[in-house]
Structure formats: C-alpha cells, structure tokens
C-alpha cells in the first residue's frame, strides 16, 4: 500500500497540523492541540461544536469558521475523539450562550459526546443534535438508527448560520431536530478503503462490481451489484432516497459528494443524472453543492444527499460562510 505519509502513527497529527497552518485565516489549535477552533470566537453566540474520526476530510475541520462550526475535535482514523478533547472544546468555545454539539449517529461518537456533555454540564449549557441521514443503516435494521454521513454538512451549515444570527440554544436544538427526517443520503463505491494502520482494504470488489449502500468508515453496503452506467447507478440512489424522505418542506437541496477518490468530472456527471431523475418525481432543486466534502479516505465512490428545506432554511444556507471548505457571500 502506497500512501503519502511518514508513518501511520503520526499521519493524523501531521495532517491536522498542515491543515491549521494552511488555513490560519480561519482556524487555530485549541488548548494543548486537543481540537481546532474558529480563529475569532464571537462573544454571546451559541458555540456549534462537532467532530469525529480523521479520514473524512474536509469534514469536520474544513467547516470551522464563520457561519458553520466554532470548534471541531479530531480522533484517530475512523475513531471518535475522546471526551477529554470534547470537554476542552466546550470550555474554550463557549462564550456565554452555551454549546450545541452536532454528532454523527455512530455508537462511539454518541457515547463520547454524551460523556463530555455530562462532564461539562455543571459549567455550561449544552444541547446535542444527532445527524442521522444515511438510508443504509435503517434498511439493515441493526438498531442503531441511521448513521450520519454527508448530510451532516447541511445540518452544520444551517445551525452555524442560525447561531451567527444569535438564535438561542433551545431554538437551535429545535431546528436541528426538525431537520432529521428531511435529509437523506445514500452512497455507492467502486473500491474499498485502504486503511493506513492495517495496510488492508476494508472490502475488495471485482472489476465489474459495485458496493451499494456504503458508509464513510469503509463499511460495505447492503448489496454487491454489477457495474453499470451512471444513470442506472444514480437512479437507484436517488429513487431510494426519494421514497424514504419526509417532504414537510418542498424546496430541495441536492448534494453530490465524493468519497475521496472520485474526480470532479464524474461527480458533476452524477449530479446531472440525479437532477433529471428527481425532476421526474416533481422535486424542485433550489440549491446545489457538488464536490468532495465528507470522505472515506481514498474510496472511489460518491453519495447523494437530498434535503427538503423551508424558505428560512434556504436563507440560512445562502448567508455568508467563511471556512476552509465552504466560502460564499463574504
């Protein structure tokens, strides 16, 4: 296995240091380098904090900045950050209005963020929102509920924008909870993930196979299927999402996300296909985002996310954002 790294043991620390040094306009290290925070914290604004294992970049560190996250904690590859890291982020990022933790719905992430919230609750007002947009976990019926995948970006963006407008903690929590049924994602892969510390791929596909329903930790999906053209693959993803999502709002946001090893030309091709397929179902796409935002290291694959949003939520999406990975209106 060939990787641009020195050692597997130092890869995450060296990568995160490079990220901070490359994006000093937006971010700095927090105390003892336990987390990354927004360079300029805003007094009296609710702090939006998230995090997870490394290997998903630019999520979450690339979303720290104006209009999104105030802090992000990074664990080892595909491993939750520790409660100690999260508590440190809470202590430093809370400027008086409390903290909202945005947590992807994985056992380790939920356990560690809940533990940190309990540890810090005597000194801080804390609420938590679970990102749970993935179709696949609900289909599997394994009891954990839906995983948080690329749709987490949408939740972090909307909550970060609302916090920038000084929306109070309880209202932010309500917004986050209301989004859960209106954001759905599904992924497909052409290859497994090459994990540095194991020197193995998470699964192996033949030259004419795809894995349908993959996760962002290199998890296999629900079925191994014959490779086909992009319209056929994207139709499977789009129609599965459409059949599962709540349409309590009627304006769509379409995100086509690369999982780490997929070139932009293929992502835009998939977007074009998804847009046409969803229009057949009467979905009006008002906003779009195409790119590599929530990865699974070097997986060749993509995910499609559909969100139905209100006019107010579209206004939040459009408001200024200034982070390493997303920037507009500034």
Protein backbone atom coordinates (compact mmCIF):
# COMPACT_ATOMS: atom_id res chain seq x y z
CA UNK A 1 0.00 0.00 0.00
CA UNK A 2 1.44 3.36 -1.05
CA UNK A 3 0.45 6.49 0.90
CA UNK A 4 1.93 9.96 1.11
CA UNK A 5 2.83 9.74 4.80
CA UNK A 6 5.76 9.31 7.17
CA UNK A 7 4.23 6.73 9.50
CA UNK A 8 0.69 5.55 10.08
CA UNK A 9 1.05 6.54 13.76
CA UNK A 10 1.87 10.18 13.02
CA UNK A 11 -0.28 10.65 9.93
CA UNK A 12 -3.28 12.30 11.62
CA UNK A 13 -1.28 14.70 13.80
CA UNK A 14 0.91 15.80 10.91
CA UNK A 15 -2.06 16.19 8.57
CA UNK A 16 -4.04 18.27 11.08
CA UNK A 17 -1.03 20.49 11.73
CA UNK A 18 -0.70 21.04 8.00
CA UNK A 19 -4.37 21.93 7.78
CA UNK A 20 -4.12 24.55 10.52
CA UNK A 21 -1.00 26.09 9.03
CA UNK A 22 -2.60 26.22 5.58
CA UNK A 23 -5.80 27.86 6.83
CA UNK A 24 -4.66 30.27 9.56
CA UNK A 25 -7.13 32.82 8.25
CA UNK A 26 -9.96 30.69 9.63
CA UNK A 27 -8.66 28.40 12.38
CA UNK A 28 -6.22 27.91 15.25
CA UNK A 29 -5.41 25.00 17.53
CA UNK A 30 -7.27 24.94 20.83
CA UNK A 31 -5.63 24.29 24.19
CA UNK A 32 -2.93 21.59 24.04
CA UNK A 33 -3.86 20.94 20.40
CA UNK A 34 -6.83 18.88 21.52
CA UNK A 35 -9.15 20.45 18.94
CA UNK A 36 -9.37 23.08 16.21
CA UNK A 37 -11.40 26.21 16.74
CA UNK A 38 -12.51 29.27 14.88
CA UNK A 39 -9.80 31.92 14.99
CA UNK A 40 -12.18 34.68 16.09
CA UNK A 41 -14.83 33.49 18.53
CA UNK A 42 -17.97 35.66 18.84
CA UNK A 43 -18.98 36.63 22.41
CA UNK A 44 -22.59 35.82 23.27
CA UNK A 45 -23.15 33.43 20.34
CA UNK A 46 -24.01 29.75 20.84
CA UNK A 47 -20.93 27.65 20.02
CA UNK A 48 -21.53 24.95 17.41
CA UNK A 49 -19.15 22.02 18.03
CA UNK A 50 -18.71 18.79 16.10
CA UNK A 51 -16.05 16.23 15.33
CA UNK A 52 -15.25 12.64 14.56
CA UNK A 53 -12.50 10.39 13.37
CA UNK A 54 -9.92 11.51 10.86
CA UNK A 55 -10.27 10.20 7.32
CA UNK A 56 -13.40 12.20 6.46
CA UNK A 57 -11.69 15.45 5.49
CA UNK A 58 -12.64 18.16 4.87
CA UNK A 59 -15.42 17.19 7.31
CA UNK A 60 -15.31 18.44 10.09
CA UNK A 61 -12.23 20.63 10.37
CA UNK A 62 -12.84 22.17 6.97
CA UNK A 63 -16.17 23.53 8.22
CA UNK A 64 -14.75 25.52 11.15
CA UNK A 65 -15.23 29.24 10.68
CA UNK A 66 -17.82 31.95 10.23
CA UNK A 67 -21.29 30.58 9.57
CA UNK A 68 -20.53 26.97 10.49
CA UNK A 69 -18.59 25.36 13.33
CA UNK A 70 -16.84 27.10 16.20
CA UNK A 71 -14.77 24.02 17.04
CA UNK A 72 -14.07 20.52 15.77
CA UNK A 73 -12.41 17.58 17.52
CA UNK A 74 -10.42 15.03 15.52
CA UNK A 75 -9.86 11.41 16.58
CA UNK A 76 -7.62 8.79 15.06
CA UNK A 77 -8.64 7.48 11.64
CA UNK A 78 -12.28 6.37 11.78
CA UNK A 79 -12.20 6.69 15.62
CA UNK A 80 -14.20 9.09 17.76
CA UNK A 81 -12.43 11.94 19.55
CA UNK A 82 -12.10 11.39 23.31
CA UNK A 83 -14.39 13.01 25.90
CA UNK A 84 -11.38 14.99 27.14
CA UNK A 85 -10.94 16.58 23.70
CA UNK A 86 -14.63 17.46 23.50
CA UNK A 87 -14.71 18.95 27.01
CA UNK A 88 -11.71 21.13 26.14
CA UNK A 89 -13.52 22.37 23.04
CA UNK A 90 -16.63 23.18 25.09
CA UNK A 91 -14.58 25.06 27.70
CA UNK A 92 -12.83 27.23 25.13
CA UNK A 93 -15.57 27.77 22.53
CA UNK A 94 -18.43 28.67 24.89
CA UNK A 95 -18.52 32.46 25.08
CA UNK A 96 -21.59 32.66 27.29
CA UNK A 97 -24.57 31.44 25.26
CA UNK A 98 -23.97 27.70 25.62
CA UNK A 99 -22.92 24.95 23.19
CA UNK A 100 -24.73 22.83 20.64
CA UNK A 101 -23.00 19.55 19.83
CA UNK A 102 -23.65 18.16 16.33
CA UNK A 103 -22.90 14.44 16.48
CA UNK A 104 -22.93 11.83 13.73
CA UNK A 105 -25.01 8.86 14.85
CA UNK A 106 -22.29 6.27 15.47
CA UNK A 107 -22.02 4.44 18.79
CA UNK A 108 -18.54 5.74 19.62
CA UNK A 109 -19.27 9.35 18.68
CA UNK A 110 -22.57 9.42 20.56
CA UNK A 111 -21.08 7.80 23.67
CA UNK A 112 -18.07 10.14 23.85
CA UNK A 113 -20.00 13.33 23.13
CA UNK A 114 -22.66 12.38 25.70
CA UNK A 115 -19.95 11.68 28.26
CA UNK A 116 -18.29 15.02 27.54
CA UNK A 117 -21.61 16.86 27.81
CA UNK A 118 -22.22 15.28 31.21
CA UNK A 119 -18.71 16.16 32.38
CA UNK A 120 -19.11 19.81 31.34
CA UNK A 121 -22.78 20.30 32.22
CA UNK A 122 -22.11 21.86 35.61
CA UNK A 123 -20.32 24.80 33.99
CA UNK A 124 -22.01 25.08 30.59
CA UNK A 125 -25.42 24.89 28.98
CA UNK A 126 -25.22 22.10 26.42
CA UNK A 127 -27.60 20.57 23.90
CA UNK A 128 -26.98 17.85 21.31
CA UNK A 129 -28.32 17.19 17.81
CA UNK A 130 -27.81 13.84 16.06
CA UNK A 131 -27.02 13.76 12.35
CA UNK A 132 -28.75 10.65 11.00
CA UNK A 133 -29.23 10.97 7.27
CA UNK A 134 -27.98 7.63 5.92
CA UNK A 135 -30.54 5.36 4.27
CA UNK A 136 -28.50 2.19 4.65
CA UNK A 137 -28.44 1.70 8.42
CA UNK A 138 -32.22 1.88 8.70
CA UNK A 139 -32.51 -0.71 5.93
CA UNK A 140 -30.15 -3.01 7.79
CA UNK A 141 -32.32 -2.87 10.91
CA UNK A 142 -29.36 -3.14 13.28
CA UNK A 143 -30.97 -1.00 15.98
CA UNK A 144 -28.55 1.92 15.98
CA UNK A 145 -30.66 4.12 13.78
CA UNK A 146 -29.36 5.99 10.79
CA UNK A 147 -25.68 6.89 10.51
CA UNK A 148 -24.61 10.47 10.00
CA UNK A 149 -22.88 10.86 6.64
CA UNK A 150 -22.61 13.70 4.09
CA UNK A 151 -25.93 15.23 5.15
CA UNK A 152 -24.18 16.23 8.38
CA UNK A 153 -22.69 19.10 6.37
CA UNK A 154 -26.16 20.54 5.74
CA UNK A 155 -27.10 20.37 9.42
CA UNK A 156 -23.83 22.02 10.47
CA UNK A 157 -24.23 24.74 7.87
CA UNK A 158 -27.81 25.63 8.79
CA UNK A 159 -27.17 25.56 12.54
CA UNK A 160 -23.95 27.52 12.17
CA UNK A 161 -25.72 30.18 10.11
CA UNK A 162 -28.56 30.40 12.61
CA UNK A 163 -26.11 30.70 15.51
CA UNK A 164 -24.39 33.54 13.63
CA UNK A 165 -27.74 35.36 13.82
CA UNK A 166 -27.68 34.84 17.61
CA UNK A 167 -30.55 32.34 17.64
CA UNK A 168 -30.69 30.95 21.22
CA UNK A 169 -29.64 27.44 22.18
CA UNK A 170 -33.10 25.92 22.64
CA UNK A 171 -34.24 27.17 19.25
CA UNK A 172 -31.10 25.86 17.55
CA UNK A 173 -31.74 22.45 19.10
CA UNK A 174 -35.30 22.51 17.73
CA UNK A 175 -34.07 23.42 14.24
CA UNK A 176 -31.52 20.61 14.28
CA UNK A 177 -34.04 18.03 15.45
CA UNK A 178 -36.55 19.10 12.81
CA UNK A 179 -34.03 18.52 10.02
CA UNK A 180 -33.52 14.84 10.79
CA UNK A 181 -36.45 13.49 8.75
CA UNK A 182 -35.83 15.90 5.84
CA UNK A 183 -32.24 14.96 4.98
CA UNK A 184 -31.40 11.59 3.42
CA UNK A 185 -28.20 10.20 1.87
CA UNK A 186 -27.03 7.04 0.18
CA UNK A 187 -23.57 6.04 -1.08
CA UNK A 188 -22.03 3.70 -3.62
CA UNK A 189 -18.42 2.58 -4.05
CA UNK A 190 -16.22 1.22 -6.82
CA UNK A 191 -13.45 0.31 -4.35
CA UNK A 192 -12.95 -0.28 -0.65
CA UNK A 193 -10.83 1.90 1.63
CA UNK A 194 -7.09 1.44 2.14
CA UNK A 195 -6.62 1.96 5.90
CA UNK A 196 -3.04 3.08 6.74
CA UNK A 197 -2.56 1.39 10.13
CA UNK A 198 -3.86 -2.01 8.96
CA UNK A 199 -2.33 -1.91 5.47
CA UNK A 200 -5.51 -3.56 4.17
CA UNK A 201 -8.61 -2.52 2.27
CA UNK A 202 -11.96 -2.76 4.02
CA UNK A 203 -13.51 -4.77 1.19
CA UNK A 204 -12.50 -5.87 -2.30
CA UNK A 205 -14.56 -5.59 -5.46
CA UNK A 206 -14.13 -7.33 -8.76
CA UNK A 207 -13.63 -5.30 -11.95
CA UNK A 208 -17.34 -5.49 -12.78
CA UNK A 209 -18.80 -4.97 -9.26
CA UNK A 210 -20.04 -2.04 -7.18
CA UNK A 211 -20.96 -1.87 -3.50
CA UNK A 212 -24.34 -0.24 -2.89
CA UNK A 213 -25.11 1.47 0.44
CA UNK A 214 -21.58 2.04 1.77
CA UNK A 215 -20.69 4.06 4.88
CA UNK A 216 -17.95 6.63 5.40
CA UNK A 217 -15.80 4.35 7.59
CA UNK A 218 -15.25 1.93 4.74
CA UNK A 219 -18.24 -0.19 5.73
CA UNK A 220 -19.65 -2.40 2.98
CA UNK A 221 -23.23 -1.80 1.91
CA UNK A 222 -26.31 -3.97 1.64
CA UNK A 223 -25.57 -5.48 -1.76
CA UNK A 224 -22.84 -6.15 -4.28
CA UNK A 225 -24.17 -5.46 -7.74
CA UNK A 226 -22.98 -5.47 -11.36
CA UNK A 227 -21.25 -2.34 -12.52
CA UNK A 228 -23.46 -0.27 -14.80
CA UNK A 229 -23.66 3.19 -16.37
CA UNK A 230 -24.00 6.25 -14.18
CA UNK A 231 -27.69 6.84 -14.96
CA UNK A 232 -28.59 3.37 -13.69
CA UNK A 233 -26.49 3.70 -10.52
CA UNK A 234 -27.70 7.22 -9.73
CA UNK A 235 -31.32 6.24 -10.34
CA UNK A 236 -31.00 3.52 -7.68
CA UNK A 237 -29.59 6.01 -5.20
CA UNK A 238 -31.98 8.86 -6.00
CA UNK A 239 -35.18 6.84 -6.03
CA UNK A 240 -34.30 5.04 -2.79
CA UNK A 241 -33.70 8.41 -1.12
CA UNK A 242 -36.88 9.93 -2.54
CA UNK A 243 -39.00 7.04 -1.30
CA UNK A 244 -37.73 7.46 2.26
CA UNK A 245 -37.53 11.23 2.87
CA UNK A 246 -40.11 13.46 4.54
CA UNK A 247 -41.46 16.27 2.34
CA UNK A 248 -42.75 18.55 5.08
CA UNK A 249 -40.89 21.30 3.21
CA UNK A 250 -40.97 21.46 -0.58
CA UNK A 251 -37.74 23.07 -1.81
CA UNK A 252 -34.83 20.75 -2.43
CA UNK A 253 -31.11 20.99 -1.82
CA UNK A 254 -29.08 18.41 -3.76
CA UNK A 255 -25.58 17.46 -2.61
CA UNK A 256 -23.40 15.11 -4.67
CA UNK A 257 -20.40 14.23 -2.54
CA UNK A 258 -17.19 12.47 -3.48
CA UNK A 259 -15.93 9.82 -1.06
CA UNK A 260 -12.25 10.58 -1.61
CA UNK A 261 -11.14 9.03 -4.88
CA UNK A 262 -13.71 10.26 -7.40
CA UNK A 263 -12.77 13.04 -9.85
CA UNK A 264 -14.93 16.17 -10.18
CA UNK A 265 -15.95 15.32 -13.76
CA UNK A 266 -17.67 12.15 -12.53
CA UNK A 267 -19.36 13.96 -9.64
CA UNK A 268 -20.85 16.56 -11.97
CA UNK A 269 -21.98 13.83 -14.34
CA UNK A 270 -23.73 12.12 -11.41
CA UNK A 271 -25.28 15.44 -10.36
CA UNK A 272 -26.69 15.95 -13.84
CA UNK A 273 -28.21 12.49 -13.75
CA UNK A 274 -29.67 12.94 -10.24
CA UNK A 275 -31.17 16.30 -11.17
CA UNK A 276 -33.03 14.78 -14.10
CA UNK A 277 -34.25 11.77 -12.13
CA UNK A 278 -35.53 13.87 -9.23
CA UNK A 279 -37.30 16.24 -11.60
CA UNK A 280 -39.25 13.23 -12.91
CA UNK A 281 -40.64 12.95 -9.36
CA UNK A 282 -41.58 16.62 -9.22
CA UNK A 283 -38.70 17.64 -6.95
CA UNK A 284 -37.69 21.26 -7.39
CA UNK A 285 -33.99 21.66 -6.65
CA UNK A 286 -33.40 25.19 -5.38
CA UNK A 287 -29.78 24.82 -4.20
CA UNK A 288 -26.93 22.53 -5.20
CA UNK A 289 -23.50 21.54 -3.94
CA UNK A 290 -21.10 19.25 -5.79
CA UNK A 291 -17.66 18.28 -4.54
CA UNK A 292 -15.62 16.24 -2.08
CA UNK A 293 -16.79 17.14 1.43
CA UNK A 294 -17.32 14.01 3.54
CA UNK A 295 -14.80 11.36 2.57
CA UNK A 296 -13.84 7.82 3.42
CA UNK A 297 -10.09 8.26 2.92
CA UNK A 298 -9.38 7.15 -0.67
CA UNK A 299 -12.64 5.35 -1.51
CA UNK A 300 -13.66 5.59 -5.15
CA UNK A 301 -17.32 6.35 -4.74
CA UNK A 302 -19.92 9.01 -4.21
CA UNK A 303 -23.01 9.74 -2.18
CA UNK A 304 -26.16 11.62 -3.00
CA UNK A 305 -27.93 13.71 -0.38
CA UNK A 306 -31.35 15.30 -0.74
CA UNK A 307 -32.72 17.80 1.78
CA UNK A 308 -36.12 19.47 1.78
CA UNK A 309 -35.84 22.93 3.32
CA UNK A 310 -38.07 25.87 4.20
CA UNK A 311 -37.58 29.38 2.83
CA UNK A 312 -35.99 30.42 6.12
CA UNK A 313 -33.58 27.49 5.96
CA UNK A 314 -32.65 28.39 2.38
CA UNK A 315 -31.93 31.91 3.64
CA UNK A 316 -29.63 30.43 6.27
CA UNK A 317 -27.87 28.33 3.61
CA UNK A 318 -27.32 31.44 1.46
CA UNK A 319 -25.96 33.60 4.29
CA UNK A 320 -22.19 34.31 4.45
CA UNK A 321 -19.90 31.42 5.25
CA UNK A 322 -16.11 31.52 5.51
CA UNK A 323 -14.38 28.20 6.16
CA UNK A 324 -11.58 26.27 4.52
CA UNK A 325 -14.00 24.04 2.61
CA UNK A 326 -17.03 26.30 2.07
CA UNK A 327 -16.95 30.02 1.34
CA UNK A 328 -19.50 32.38 -0.16
CA UNK A 329 -21.16 35.73 0.50
CA UNK A 330 -18.07 37.19 2.19
